[in-house]
Amino acid sequence: MPSARALEWLHRLIWLLIYGGLFGIVLGIVTGGAHLVAGWSLGVLGGIAVVAGIVLIVVRSRLHETAPPGAQSTNDKRRGMP
């Protein structure tokens, strides 16, 4: 279970990859008229970054944050434990 700090870092990384990738795609489109190889390279790298951000969103959706140590309640009697 990741901590709140690790999840916050993951959120920042996700949005950095998505927005940076979209910016790379736009730069690739704009640059493609002047230099074809550079345009394709920027576009493909931007697309890879966007896909990585989307994959991290799926990974993040499967992670559950651990509660702080003082915020947990012990309700063992309802589970049949002594």
N, C-alpha and C. Protein backbone atom coordinates (compact mmCIF):
# COMPACT_ATOMS: atom_id res chain seq x y z
N MET A 1 0.83 -1.18 0.00
CA MET A 1 0.00 0.00 0.00
C MET A 1 0.88 1.25 0.00
N PRO A 2 0.72 2.09 -1.01
CA PRO A 2 1.54 3.30 -1.09
C PRO A 2 1.08 4.37 -0.11
N SER A 3 2.00 5.23 0.25
CA SER A 3 1.67 6.33 1.15
C SER A 3 1.02 7.46 0.35
N ALA A 4 0.51 8.44 1.07
CA ALA A 4 -0.11 9.60 0.41
C ALA A 4 0.93 10.37 -0.39
N ARG A 5 2.15 10.42 0.11
CA ARG A 5 3.21 11.14 -0.59
C ARG A 5 3.54 10.46 -1.91
N ALA A 6 3.60 9.14 -1.92
CA ALA A 6 3.88 8.40 -3.15
C ALA A 6 2.75 8.57 -4.17
N LEU A 7 1.53 8.59 -3.70
CA LEU A 7 0.40 8.79 -4.61
C LEU A 7 0.41 10.19 -5.20
N GLU A 8 0.77 11.18 -4.40
CA GLU A 8 0.85 12.55 -4.90
C GLU A 8 1.94 12.66 -5.97
N TRP A 9 3.07 11.99 -5.75
CA TRP A 9 4.14 11.97 -6.74
C TRP A 9 3.66 11.32 -8.03
N LEU A 10 2.89 10.25 -7.90
CA LEU A 10 2.36 9.55 -9.06
C LEU A 10 1.39 10.43 -9.84
N HIS A 11 0.57 11.20 -9.13
CA HIS A 11 -0.36 12.13 -9.79
C HIS A 11 0.41 13.15 -10.62
N ARG A 12 1.46 13.71 -10.02
CA ARG A 12 2.26 14.69 -10.75
C ARG A 12 2.91 14.08 -11.99
N LEU A 13 3.42 12.87 -11.87
CA LEU A 13 4.05 12.19 -12.99
C LEU A 13 3.04 11.91 -14.10
N ILE A 14 1.84 11.50 -13.72
CA ILE A 14 0.80 11.20 -14.72
C ILE A 14 0.51 12.43 -15.55
N TRP A 15 0.24 13.55 -14.89
CA TRP A 15 -0.14 14.75 -15.64
C TRP A 15 1.04 15.34 -16.39
N LEU A 16 2.24 15.19 -15.87
CA LEU A 16 3.41 15.64 -16.59
C LEU A 16 3.57 14.85 -17.89
N LEU A 17 3.39 13.55 -17.83
CA LEU A 17 3.50 12.72 -19.03
C LEU A 17 2.41 13.05 -20.05
N ILE A 18 1.19 13.23 -19.58
CA ILE A 18 0.09 13.49 -20.51
C ILE A 18 0.25 14.85 -21.18
N TYR A 19 0.43 15.89 -20.39
CA TYR A 19 0.54 17.23 -20.98
C TYR A 19 1.84 17.40 -21.75
N GLY A 20 2.93 16.86 -21.25
CA GLY A 20 4.18 16.92 -21.99
C GLY A 20 4.10 16.15 -23.29
N GLY A 21 3.44 15.01 -23.27
CA GLY A 21 3.27 14.23 -24.49
C GLY A 21 2.41 14.94 -25.52
N LEU A 22 1.33 15.56 -25.06
CA LEU A 22 0.50 16.32 -25.99
C LEU A 22 1.27 17.49 -26.59
N PHE A 23 2.09 18.13 -25.77
CA PHE A 23 2.92 19.23 -26.27
C PHE A 23 3.92 18.70 -27.30
N GLY A 24 4.48 17.52 -27.04
CA GLY A 24 5.40 16.91 -28.00
C GLY A 24 4.72 16.57 -29.31
N ILE A 25 3.49 16.11 -29.25
CA ILE A 25 2.74 15.81 -30.47
C ILE A 25 2.51 17.08 -31.28
N VAL A 26 2.11 18.15 -30.60
CA VAL A 26 1.88 19.42 -31.29
C VAL A 26 3.18 19.94 -31.90
N LEU A 27 4.28 19.86 -31.15
CA LEU A 27 5.56 20.27 -31.71
C LEU A 27 5.95 19.42 -32.90
N GLY A 28 5.65 18.13 -32.85
CA GLY A 28 5.93 17.26 -33.98
C GLY A 28 5.15 17.64 -35.22
N ILE A 29 3.90 18.01 -35.03
CA ILE A 29 3.08 18.43 -36.17
C ILE A 29 3.62 19.72 -36.76
N VAL A 30 3.96 20.67 -35.90
CA VAL A 30 4.47 21.96 -36.38
C VAL A 30 5.84 21.80 -37.04
N THR A 31 6.70 20.98 -36.46
CA THR A 31 8.05 20.81 -36.98
C THR A 31 8.07 19.93 -38.24
N GLY A 32 7.07 19.13 -38.43
CA GLY A 32 7.04 18.21 -39.56
C GLY A 32 7.16 18.89 -40.91
N GLY A 33 6.69 20.13 -41.02
CA GLY A 33 6.80 20.84 -42.30
C GLY A 33 8.22 21.23 -42.64
N ALA A 34 9.03 21.54 -41.62
CA ALA A 34 10.40 21.97 -41.86
C ALA A 34 11.36 20.78 -41.93
N HIS A 35 11.17 19.82 -41.05
CA HIS A 35 12.07 18.66 -41.02
C HIS A 35 11.24 17.44 -40.67
N LEU A 36 11.09 16.57 -41.63
CA LEU A 36 10.17 15.44 -41.50
C LEU A 36 10.58 14.47 -40.39
N VAL A 37 11.86 14.14 -40.30
CA VAL A 37 12.32 13.17 -39.31
C VAL A 37 12.15 13.72 -37.90
N ALA A 38 12.49 14.98 -37.71
CA ALA A 38 12.34 15.59 -36.39
C ALA A 38 10.86 15.65 -35.99
N GLY A 39 10.00 15.97 -36.94
CA GLY A 39 8.57 16.03 -36.66
C GLY A 39 8.01 14.69 -36.24
N TRP A 40 8.37 13.65 -36.98
CA TRP A 40 7.90 12.31 -36.63
C TRP A 40 8.46 11.86 -35.29
N SER A 41 9.72 12.16 -35.05
CA SER A 41 10.34 11.76 -33.77
C SER A 41 9.63 12.41 -32.60
N LEU A 42 9.39 13.72 -32.69
CA LEU A 42 8.69 14.40 -31.60
C LEU A 42 7.27 13.86 -31.43
N GLY A 43 6.61 13.62 -32.53
CA GLY A 43 5.24 13.11 -32.46
C GLY A 43 5.16 11.73 -31.84
N VAL A 44 6.07 10.86 -32.23
CA VAL A 44 6.06 9.49 -31.69
C VAL A 44 6.44 9.49 -30.22
N LEU A 45 7.46 10.26 -29.85
CA LEU A 45 7.84 10.32 -28.44
C LEU A 45 6.73 10.94 -27.59
N GLY A 46 6.06 11.94 -28.13
CA GLY A 46 4.92 12.52 -27.42
C GLY A 46 3.79 11.52 -27.25
N GLY A 47 3.53 10.76 -28.29
CA GLY A 47 2.48 9.73 -28.21
C GLY A 47 2.81 8.66 -27.19
N ILE A 48 4.08 8.28 -27.13
CA ILE A 48 4.50 7.28 -26.13
C ILE A 48 4.32 7.83 -24.72
N ALA A 49 4.63 9.12 -24.53
CA ALA A 49 4.46 9.73 -23.21
C ALA A 49 2.98 9.77 -22.81
N VAL A 50 2.10 10.09 -23.76
CA VAL A 50 0.67 10.12 -23.46
C VAL A 50 0.17 8.72 -23.09
N VAL A 51 0.59 7.72 -23.83
CA VAL A 51 0.17 6.35 -23.54
C VAL A 51 0.69 5.92 -22.17
N ALA A 52 1.93 6.30 -21.84
CA ALA A 52 2.48 5.96 -20.52
C ALA A 52 1.67 6.64 -19.41
N GLY A 53 1.24 7.87 -19.62
CA GLY A 53 0.40 8.55 -18.64
C GLY A 53 -0.94 7.86 -18.46
N ILE A 54 -1.53 7.40 -19.55
CA ILE A 54 -2.81 6.69 -19.46
C ILE A 54 -2.64 5.36 -18.74
N VAL A 55 -1.56 4.66 -19.02
CA VAL A 55 -1.29 3.40 -18.31
C VAL A 55 -1.12 3.66 -16.82
N LEU A 56 -0.44 4.74 -16.46
CA LEU A 56 -0.28 5.06 -15.04
C LEU A 56 -1.60 5.43 -14.38
N ILE A 57 -2.53 5.99 -15.14
CA ILE A 57 -3.87 6.25 -14.58
C ILE A 57 -4.54 4.93 -14.21
N VAL A 58 -4.41 3.93 -15.06
CA VAL A 58 -4.99 2.61 -14.77
C VAL A 58 -4.30 1.99 -13.55
N VAL A 59 -2.97 2.12 -13.50
CA VAL A 59 -2.24 1.59 -12.34
C VAL A 59 -2.69 2.30 -11.08
N ARG A 60 -2.84 3.61 -11.13
CA ARG A 60 -3.24 4.39 -9.96
C ARG A 60 -4.65 4.01 -9.49
N SER A 61 -5.52 3.67 -10.43
CA SER A 61 -6.89 3.32 -10.05
C SER A 61 -6.94 2.02 -9.26
N ARG A 62 -5.91 1.20 -9.39
CA ARG A 62 -5.88 -0.07 -8.67
C ARG A 62 -5.15 0.01 -7.34
N LEU A 63 -4.53 1.15 -7.05
CA LEU A 63 -3.83 1.33 -5.78
C LEU A 63 -4.78 1.93 -4.75
N HIS A 64 -4.62 1.53 -3.50
CA HIS A 64 -5.44 2.06 -2.42
C HIS A 64 -4.52 2.72 -1.42
N GLU A 65 -4.91 3.90 -0.99
CA GLU A 65 -4.10 4.65 -0.05
C GLU A 65 -4.22 4.05 1.35
N THR A 66 -3.11 3.98 2.05
CA THR A 66 -3.15 3.51 3.43
C THR A 66 -3.56 4.66 4.33
N ALA A 67 -4.34 4.35 5.33
CA ALA A 67 -4.78 5.38 6.26
C ALA A 67 -3.64 5.75 7.21
N PRO A 68 -3.62 6.98 7.70
CA PRO A 68 -2.60 7.36 8.68
C PRO A 68 -2.72 6.49 9.93
N PRO A 69 -1.62 6.28 10.66
CA PRO A 69 -1.65 5.37 11.80
C PRO A 69 -2.70 5.70 12.85
N GLY A 70 -2.98 6.96 13.11
CA GLY A 70 -3.93 7.31 14.16
C GLY A 70 -5.38 7.30 13.72
N ALA A 71 -5.64 7.16 12.43
CA ALA A 71 -7.00 7.27 11.93
C ALA A 71 -7.71 5.93 11.80
N GLN A 72 -7.06 4.85 12.13
CA GLN A 72 -7.67 3.54 11.96
C GLN A 72 -8.46 3.17 13.20
N SER A 73 -9.57 2.52 12.97
CA SER A 73 -10.37 2.05 14.10
C SER A 73 -10.22 0.54 14.19
N THR A 74 -10.14 0.05 15.38
CA THR A 74 -10.06 -1.39 15.57
C THR A 74 -11.44 -1.89 15.97
N ASN A 75 -12.05 -2.57 15.07
CA ASN A 75 -13.39 -3.08 15.29
C ASN A 75 -13.36 -4.60 15.12
N ASP A 76 -12.51 -5.23 15.92
CA ASP A 76 -12.29 -6.67 15.79
C ASP A 76 -13.47 -7.50 16.28
N LYS A 77 -14.27 -6.99 17.20
CA LYS A 77 -15.37 -7.77 17.78
C LYS A 77 -16.45 -8.05 16.74
N ARG A 78 -16.63 -7.16 15.78
CA ARG A 78 -17.64 -7.40 14.77
C ARG A 78 -17.20 -8.46 13.78
N ARG A 79 -15.93 -8.72 13.67
CA ARG A 79 -15.42 -9.76 12.77
C ARG A 79 -15.31 -11.11 13.48
N GLY A 80 -15.68 -11.18 14.71
CA GLY A 80 -15.63 -12.44 15.44
C GLY A 80 -14.28 -12.71 16.09
N MET A 81 -13.41 -11.71 16.16
CA MET A 81 -12.11 -11.89 16.78
C MET A 81 -12.18 -11.48 18.24
N PRO A 82 -11.38 -12.12 19.09
CA PRO A 82 -11.44 -11.76 20.52
C PRO A 82 -10.83 -10.41 20.81
